[in-house]
Amino acid sequence: PKNMEKLLEMTLKWDGFTKPLIADKGTGTILDGHHRHAVARRLELARIPVVCIDYLKDETVELELWPASNLESITKQEVIDMALSDDLYPPKTTRHRISDYLPPIHVPLSRLSLLTPSQPAEIES
């Protein structure tokens, strides 16, 4: 909660998101960005910047365990299975390294907020 509050404060200060979430395109599992997701929910945003990857097939995505995780090993399938269950791993259990460079972004909160009836919907590909 403390990290989420600090990120909320910074997101409001920057008036936007400066880093996308990373999610599995097949299941929607958030691999990186749980705090950003919590901030978006708190702000009641309609959209969140996300980069979708093929987690199970993409060999450039490396899965690591944090030293304090108390697990001997873990697989990508176990990460997906846990995310789709009612249980979740504790924070700082896994870490994902993505070799593709993600450039910095700035998506204003106004583009992520709910549309008012007078605003046209944007179609994004």
N, C-alpha and C. Protein backbone atom coordinates (compact mmCIF):
# COMPACT_ATOMS: atom_id res chain seq x y z
N PRO A 1 0.81 -1.23 0.00
CA PRO A 1 0.00 0.00 0.00
C PRO A 1 0.84 1.28 0.00
N LYS A 2 1.97 1.24 0.70
CA LYS A 2 2.84 2.42 0.76
C LYS A 2 3.40 2.75 -0.62
N ASN A 3 3.84 1.72 -1.35
CA ASN A 3 4.37 1.94 -2.71
C ASN A 3 3.27 2.45 -3.64
N MET A 4 2.06 1.91 -3.49
CA MET A 4 0.95 2.33 -4.34
C MET A 4 0.61 3.79 -4.07
N GLU A 5 0.61 4.20 -2.81
CA GLU A 5 0.31 5.60 -2.47
C GLU A 5 1.35 6.54 -3.07
N LYS A 6 2.61 6.17 -3.01
CA LYS A 6 3.67 6.99 -3.58
C LYS A 6 3.52 7.07 -5.10
N LEU A 7 3.20 5.94 -5.74
CA LEU A 7 3.01 5.94 -7.19
C LEU A 7 1.77 6.76 -7.57
N LEU A 8 0.73 6.69 -6.78
CA LEU A 8 -0.46 7.51 -7.02
C LEU A 8 -0.09 8.99 -6.98
N GLU A 9 0.66 9.37 -5.97
CA GLU A 9 1.11 10.77 -5.84
C GLU A 9 1.92 11.20 -7.06
N MET A 10 2.85 10.35 -7.52
CA MET A 10 3.68 10.69 -8.67
C MET A 10 2.87 10.71 -9.96
N THR A 11 1.91 9.80 -10.11
CA THR A 11 1.07 9.78 -11.30
C THR A 11 0.25 11.05 -11.40
N LEU A 12 -0.26 11.52 -10.28
CA LEU A 12 -1.01 12.79 -10.27
C LEU A 12 -0.08 13.97 -10.55
N LYS A 13 1.11 13.93 -10.00
CA LYS A 13 2.09 15.00 -10.24
C LYS A 13 2.46 15.07 -11.72
N TRP A 14 2.69 13.90 -12.34
CA TRP A 14 3.06 13.83 -13.76
C TRP A 14 1.84 13.96 -14.65
N ASP A 15 0.66 13.87 -14.07
CA ASP A 15 -0.60 13.90 -14.82
C ASP A 15 -0.62 12.85 -15.92
N GLY A 16 -0.13 11.66 -15.59
CA GLY A 16 -0.17 10.60 -16.59
C GLY A 16 0.65 9.40 -16.20
N PHE A 17 0.58 8.40 -17.06
CA PHE A 17 1.37 7.18 -16.89
C PHE A 17 2.65 7.32 -17.71
N THR A 18 3.78 6.93 -17.12
CA THR A 18 5.06 7.03 -17.81
C THR A 18 5.67 5.67 -18.09
N LYS A 19 4.95 4.61 -17.72
CA LYS A 19 5.41 3.25 -17.98
C LYS A 19 4.18 2.37 -18.16
N PRO A 20 4.16 1.56 -19.23
CA PRO A 20 2.99 0.69 -19.43
C PRO A 20 3.06 -0.55 -18.54
N LEU A 21 1.93 -1.19 -18.34
CA LEU A 21 1.89 -2.50 -17.73
C LEU A 21 2.37 -3.49 -18.77
N ILE A 22 2.85 -4.64 -18.34
CA ILE A 22 3.19 -5.74 -19.23
C ILE A 22 2.21 -6.85 -18.89
N ALA A 23 1.51 -7.36 -19.91
CA ALA A 23 0.49 -8.40 -19.68
C ALA A 23 0.59 -9.47 -20.74
N ASP A 24 0.16 -10.66 -20.36
CA ASP A 24 0.07 -11.78 -21.30
C ASP A 24 -1.13 -11.56 -22.20
N LYS A 25 -0.92 -11.59 -23.52
CA LYS A 25 -2.02 -11.30 -24.44
C LYS A 25 -3.08 -12.39 -24.48
N GLY A 26 -2.73 -13.60 -24.11
CA GLY A 26 -3.71 -14.68 -24.14
C GLY A 26 -4.64 -14.72 -22.94
N THR A 27 -4.13 -14.32 -21.77
CA THR A 27 -4.93 -14.44 -20.54
C THR A 27 -5.20 -13.12 -19.84
N GLY A 28 -4.46 -12.07 -20.23
CA GLY A 28 -4.61 -10.78 -19.54
C GLY A 28 -3.86 -10.71 -18.23
N THR A 29 -3.08 -11.75 -17.91
CA THR A 29 -2.32 -11.77 -16.68
C THR A 29 -1.33 -10.61 -16.64
N ILE A 30 -1.38 -9.83 -15.57
CA ILE A 30 -0.42 -8.73 -15.39
C ILE A 30 0.89 -9.34 -14.92
N LEU A 31 1.94 -9.12 -15.68
CA LEU A 31 3.26 -9.63 -15.35
C LEU A 31 4.11 -8.57 -14.67
N ASP A 32 3.89 -7.33 -15.03
CA ASP A 32 4.61 -6.21 -14.43
C ASP A 32 3.67 -5.02 -14.41
N GLY A 33 3.49 -4.41 -13.25
CA GLY A 33 2.67 -3.21 -13.17
C GLY A 33 1.48 -3.32 -12.23
N HIS A 34 1.56 -4.19 -11.25
CA HIS A 34 0.43 -4.33 -10.32
C HIS A 34 0.15 -3.03 -9.56
N HIS A 35 1.19 -2.30 -9.20
CA HIS A 35 0.97 -1.02 -8.51
C HIS A 35 0.32 -0.01 -9.45
N ARG A 36 0.76 0.02 -10.71
CA ARG A 36 0.15 0.93 -11.69
C ARG A 36 -1.31 0.57 -11.92
N HIS A 37 -1.61 -0.72 -11.94
CA HIS A 37 -3.00 -1.16 -12.08
C HIS A 37 -3.83 -0.69 -10.88
N ALA A 38 -3.27 -0.80 -9.68
CA ALA A 38 -3.98 -0.35 -8.47
C ALA A 38 -4.22 1.16 -8.52
N VAL A 39 -3.24 1.92 -9.02
CA VAL A 39 -3.41 3.37 -9.16
C VAL A 39 -4.53 3.67 -10.15
N ALA A 40 -4.54 2.96 -11.27
CA ALA A 40 -5.58 3.19 -12.28
C ALA A 40 -6.97 2.88 -11.72
N ARG A 41 -7.07 1.83 -10.95
CA ARG A 41 -8.37 1.50 -10.32
C ARG A 41 -8.77 2.58 -9.33
N ARG A 42 -7.81 3.05 -8.56
CA ARG A 42 -8.09 4.10 -7.57
C ARG A 42 -8.57 5.38 -8.25
N LEU A 43 -8.00 5.68 -9.42
CA LEU A 43 -8.38 6.87 -10.17
C LEU A 43 -9.60 6.62 -11.05
N GLU A 44 -10.10 5.39 -11.03
CA GLU A 44 -11.27 4.99 -11.82
C GLU A 44 -11.08 5.28 -13.31
N LEU A 45 -9.88 4.93 -13.80
CA LEU A 45 -9.57 5.14 -15.21
C LEU A 45 -10.25 4.07 -16.06
N ALA A 46 -10.60 4.45 -17.26
CA ALA A 46 -11.23 3.51 -18.20
C ALA A 46 -10.18 2.72 -18.98
N ARG A 47 -8.97 3.25 -19.09
CA ARG A 47 -7.91 2.62 -19.87
C ARG A 47 -6.60 2.69 -19.09
N ILE A 48 -5.70 1.75 -19.45
CA ILE A 48 -4.36 1.74 -18.87
C ILE A 48 -3.40 1.41 -20.00
N PRO A 49 -2.26 2.10 -20.11
CA PRO A 49 -1.28 1.72 -21.13
C PRO A 49 -0.72 0.32 -20.84
N VAL A 50 -0.79 -0.55 -21.82
CA VAL A 50 -0.34 -1.93 -21.65
C VAL A 50 0.42 -2.38 -22.89
N VAL A 51 1.48 -3.11 -22.68
CA VAL A 51 2.16 -3.82 -23.75
C VAL A 51 1.82 -5.29 -23.53
N CYS A 52 1.20 -5.90 -24.54
CA CYS A 52 0.81 -7.31 -24.46
C CYS A 52 1.87 -8.17 -25.14
N ILE A 53 2.23 -9.26 -24.48
CA ILE A 53 3.24 -10.16 -25.00
C ILE A 53 2.70 -11.59 -24.99
N ASP A 54 3.33 -12.46 -25.76
CA ASP A 54 3.00 -13.88 -25.74
C ASP A 54 3.92 -14.52 -24.70
N TYR A 55 3.51 -14.44 -23.47
CA TYR A 55 4.34 -14.79 -22.32
C TYR A 55 4.90 -16.21 -22.38
N LEU A 56 4.05 -17.18 -22.67
CA LEU A 56 4.50 -18.57 -22.64
C LEU A 56 5.44 -18.92 -23.79
N LYS A 57 5.29 -18.26 -24.92
CA LYS A 57 6.10 -18.60 -26.09
C LYS A 57 7.31 -17.69 -26.29
N ASP A 58 7.26 -16.49 -25.75
CA ASP A 58 8.33 -15.52 -25.97
C ASP A 58 9.53 -15.84 -25.09
N GLU A 59 10.58 -16.35 -25.71
CA GLU A 59 11.77 -16.75 -24.95
C GLU A 59 12.62 -15.57 -24.50
N THR A 60 12.33 -14.36 -25.00
CA THR A 60 13.09 -13.20 -24.55
C THR A 60 12.58 -12.69 -23.20
N VAL A 61 11.44 -13.20 -22.74
CA VAL A 61 10.92 -12.83 -21.43
C VAL A 61 11.47 -13.82 -20.41
N GLU A 62 12.30 -13.31 -19.52
CA GLU A 62 12.93 -14.17 -18.51
C GLU A 62 12.17 -14.05 -17.19
N LEU A 63 11.97 -15.18 -16.55
CA LEU A 63 11.28 -15.26 -15.27
C LEU A 63 12.30 -15.56 -14.19
N GLU A 64 12.29 -14.74 -13.15
CA GLU A 64 13.20 -14.95 -12.03
C GLU A 64 12.41 -14.92 -10.73
N LEU A 65 12.97 -15.53 -9.71
CA LEU A 65 12.40 -15.45 -8.37
C LEU A 65 13.16 -14.41 -7.57
N TRP A 66 12.45 -13.64 -6.78
CA TRP A 66 13.11 -12.73 -5.85
C TRP A 66 13.74 -13.58 -4.75
N PRO A 67 14.87 -13.17 -4.21
CA PRO A 67 15.55 -13.97 -3.18
C PRO A 67 14.67 -14.30 -1.96
N ALA A 68 13.80 -13.42 -1.59
CA ALA A 68 12.97 -13.64 -0.40
C ALA A 68 11.66 -14.38 -0.70
N SER A 69 11.54 -14.95 -1.89
CA SER A 69 10.27 -15.57 -2.29
C SER A 69 9.98 -16.89 -1.59
N ASN A 70 10.99 -17.55 -1.05
CA ASN A 70 10.85 -18.85 -0.38
C ASN A 70 10.43 -19.97 -1.33
N LEU A 71 10.57 -19.77 -2.63
CA LEU A 71 10.31 -20.82 -3.61
C LEU A 71 11.62 -21.29 -4.20
N GLU A 72 11.70 -22.59 -4.51
CA GLU A 72 12.90 -23.14 -5.13
C GLU A 72 12.94 -22.85 -6.62
N SER A 73 11.77 -22.94 -7.27
CA SER A 73 11.68 -22.70 -8.70
C SER A 73 10.24 -22.34 -9.05
N ILE A 74 10.07 -21.86 -10.29
CA ILE A 74 8.74 -21.51 -10.77
C ILE A 74 8.78 -21.51 -12.29
N THR A 75 7.66 -21.83 -12.90
CA THR A 75 7.58 -21.81 -14.36
C THR A 75 6.61 -20.71 -14.79
N LYS A 76 6.70 -20.35 -16.05
CA LYS A 76 5.77 -19.36 -16.59
C LYS A 76 4.33 -19.88 -16.50
N GLN A 77 4.13 -21.16 -16.75
CA GLN A 77 2.78 -21.72 -16.66
C GLN A 77 2.24 -21.63 -15.24
N GLU A 78 3.10 -21.82 -14.24
CA GLU A 78 2.67 -21.69 -12.85
C GLU A 78 2.27 -20.25 -12.53
N VAL A 79 2.97 -19.28 -13.11
CA VAL A 79 2.61 -17.87 -12.92
C VAL A 79 1.21 -17.62 -13.50
N ILE A 80 0.96 -18.10 -14.71
CA ILE A 80 -0.34 -17.93 -15.35
C ILE A 80 -1.43 -18.64 -14.54
N ASP A 81 -1.18 -19.89 -14.15
CA ASP A 81 -2.17 -20.66 -13.39
C ASP A 81 -2.53 -19.96 -12.09
N MET A 82 -1.55 -19.44 -11.38
CA MET A 82 -1.81 -18.75 -10.12
C MET A 82 -2.60 -17.47 -10.37
N ALA A 83 -2.25 -16.74 -11.41
CA ALA A 83 -2.95 -15.48 -11.71
C ALA A 83 -4.42 -15.73 -12.06
N LEU A 84 -4.70 -16.87 -12.68
CA LEU A 84 -6.08 -17.19 -13.07
C LEU A 84 -6.87 -17.85 -11.94
N SER A 85 -6.20 -18.16 -10.83
CA SER A 85 -6.88 -18.75 -9.68
C SER A 85 -7.36 -17.65 -8.73
N ASP A 86 -7.95 -18.04 -7.65
CA ASP A 86 -8.37 -17.07 -6.63
C ASP A 86 -7.23 -16.67 -5.71
N ASP A 87 -6.10 -17.35 -5.83
CA ASP A 87 -4.92 -17.04 -5.02
C ASP A 87 -3.96 -16.22 -5.86
N LEU A 88 -3.09 -15.51 -5.20
CA LEU A 88 -2.01 -14.79 -5.87
C LEU A 88 -0.73 -15.02 -5.10
N TYR A 89 0.38 -14.99 -5.80
CA TYR A 89 1.65 -15.03 -5.10
C TYR A 89 1.81 -13.74 -4.32
N PRO A 90 2.54 -13.78 -3.22
CA PRO A 90 2.79 -12.53 -2.47
C PRO A 90 3.61 -11.56 -3.33
N PRO A 91 3.54 -10.26 -3.02
CA PRO A 91 4.37 -9.30 -3.75
C PRO A 91 5.84 -9.70 -3.69
N LYS A 92 6.54 -9.36 -4.74
CA LYS A 92 7.98 -9.63 -4.87
C LYS A 92 8.30 -11.13 -4.83
N THR A 93 7.44 -11.93 -5.46
CA THR A 93 7.73 -13.35 -5.62
C THR A 93 8.49 -13.57 -6.92
N THR A 94 7.99 -12.99 -8.01
CA THR A 94 8.63 -13.16 -9.31
C THR A 94 9.04 -11.81 -9.88
N ARG A 95 9.94 -11.92 -10.84
CA ARG A 95 10.40 -10.73 -11.56
C ARG A 95 10.54 -11.14 -13.02
N HIS A 96 10.10 -10.28 -13.90
CA HIS A 96 10.20 -10.56 -15.33
C HIS A 96 11.17 -9.58 -15.97
N ARG A 97 12.07 -10.13 -16.75
CA ARG A 97 13.00 -9.30 -17.52
C ARG A 97 12.61 -9.45 -18.99
N ILE A 98 12.42 -8.31 -19.61
CA ILE A 98 12.03 -8.30 -21.02
C ILE A 98 13.15 -7.65 -21.79
N SER A 99 13.71 -8.39 -22.74
CA SER A 99 14.89 -7.90 -23.44
C SER A 99 14.59 -6.76 -24.41
N ASP A 100 13.36 -6.72 -24.94
CA ASP A 100 13.02 -5.63 -25.84
C ASP A 100 12.97 -4.32 -25.06
N TYR A 101 13.60 -3.30 -25.59
CA TYR A 101 13.61 -2.01 -24.94
C TYR A 101 12.25 -1.34 -25.09
N LEU A 102 11.70 -0.92 -23.97
CA LEU A 102 10.44 -0.18 -24.01
C LEU A 102 10.76 1.30 -23.81
N PRO A 103 10.49 2.13 -24.81
CA PRO A 103 10.80 3.55 -24.67
C PRO A 103 9.89 4.19 -23.62
N PRO A 104 10.35 5.30 -23.04
CA PRO A 104 9.50 6.00 -22.07
C PRO A 104 8.24 6.53 -22.77
N ILE A 105 7.17 6.61 -22.02
CA ILE A 105 5.90 7.10 -22.55
C ILE A 105 5.39 8.20 -21.62
N HIS A 106 4.43 8.93 -22.09
CA HIS A 106 3.63 9.80 -21.23
C HIS A 106 2.23 9.82 -21.81
N VAL A 107 1.33 9.13 -21.13
CA VAL A 107 -0.06 9.11 -21.55
C VAL A 107 -0.83 9.91 -20.51
N PRO A 108 -1.38 11.07 -20.90
CA PRO A 108 -2.08 11.92 -19.94
C PRO A 108 -3.29 11.22 -19.34
N LEU A 109 -3.55 11.53 -18.08
CA LEU A 109 -4.71 10.95 -17.40
C LEU A 109 -6.00 11.27 -18.14
N SER A 110 -6.07 12.41 -18.79
CA SER A 110 -7.29 12.78 -19.51
C SER A 110 -7.60 11.79 -20.64
N ARG A 111 -6.57 11.18 -21.23
CA ARG A 111 -6.79 10.18 -22.29
C ARG A 111 -7.21 8.84 -21.72
N LEU A 112 -6.98 8.63 -20.44
CA LEU A 112 -7.27 7.35 -19.81
C LEU A 112 -8.56 7.36 -19.01
N SER A 113 -9.12 8.54 -18.81
CA SER A 113 -10.31 8.64 -17.97
C SER A 113 -11.56 8.25 -18.73
N LEU A 114 -12.64 8.08 -17.99
CA LEU A 114 -13.92 7.73 -18.60
C LEU A 114 -14.37 8.83 -19.55
N LEU A 115 -14.99 8.44 -20.64
CA LEU A 115 -15.52 9.41 -21.59
C LEU A 115 -16.80 10.02 -21.05
N THR A 116 -16.97 11.29 -21.32
CA THR A 116 -18.25 11.92 -21.00
C THR A 116 -19.14 11.74 -22.23
N PRO A 117 -20.46 11.85 -22.10
CA PRO A 117 -21.35 11.64 -23.25
C PRO A 117 -21.04 12.52 -24.45
N SER A 118 -20.44 13.69 -24.24
CA SER A 118 -20.15 14.59 -25.36
C SER A 118 -18.84 14.27 -26.07
N GLN A 119 -18.03 13.38 -25.51
CA GLN A 119 -16.75 13.04 -26.13
C GLN A 119 -16.90 11.86 -27.07
N PRO A 120 -16.29 11.94 -28.25
CA PRO A 120 -16.33 10.78 -29.16
C PRO A 120 -15.37 9.70 -28.64
N ALA A 121 -15.71 8.48 -28.87
CA ALA A 121 -14.84 7.36 -28.50
C ALA A 121 -13.69 7.29 -29.49
N GLU A 122 -12.50 6.99 -28.98
CA GLU A 122 -11.33 6.84 -29.84
C GLU A 122 -11.18 5.37 -30.21
N ILE A 123 -10.82 5.13 -31.42
CA ILE A 123 -10.52 3.77 -31.85
C ILE A 123 -9.02 3.65 -31.98
N GLU A 124 -8.44 2.75 -31.18
CA GLU A 124 -6.99 2.57 -31.20
C GLU A 124 -6.67 1.18 -31.65
N SER A 125 -5.65 1.05 -32.47
CA SER A 125 -5.26 -0.29 -32.93
C SER A 125 -4.09 -0.81 -32.15
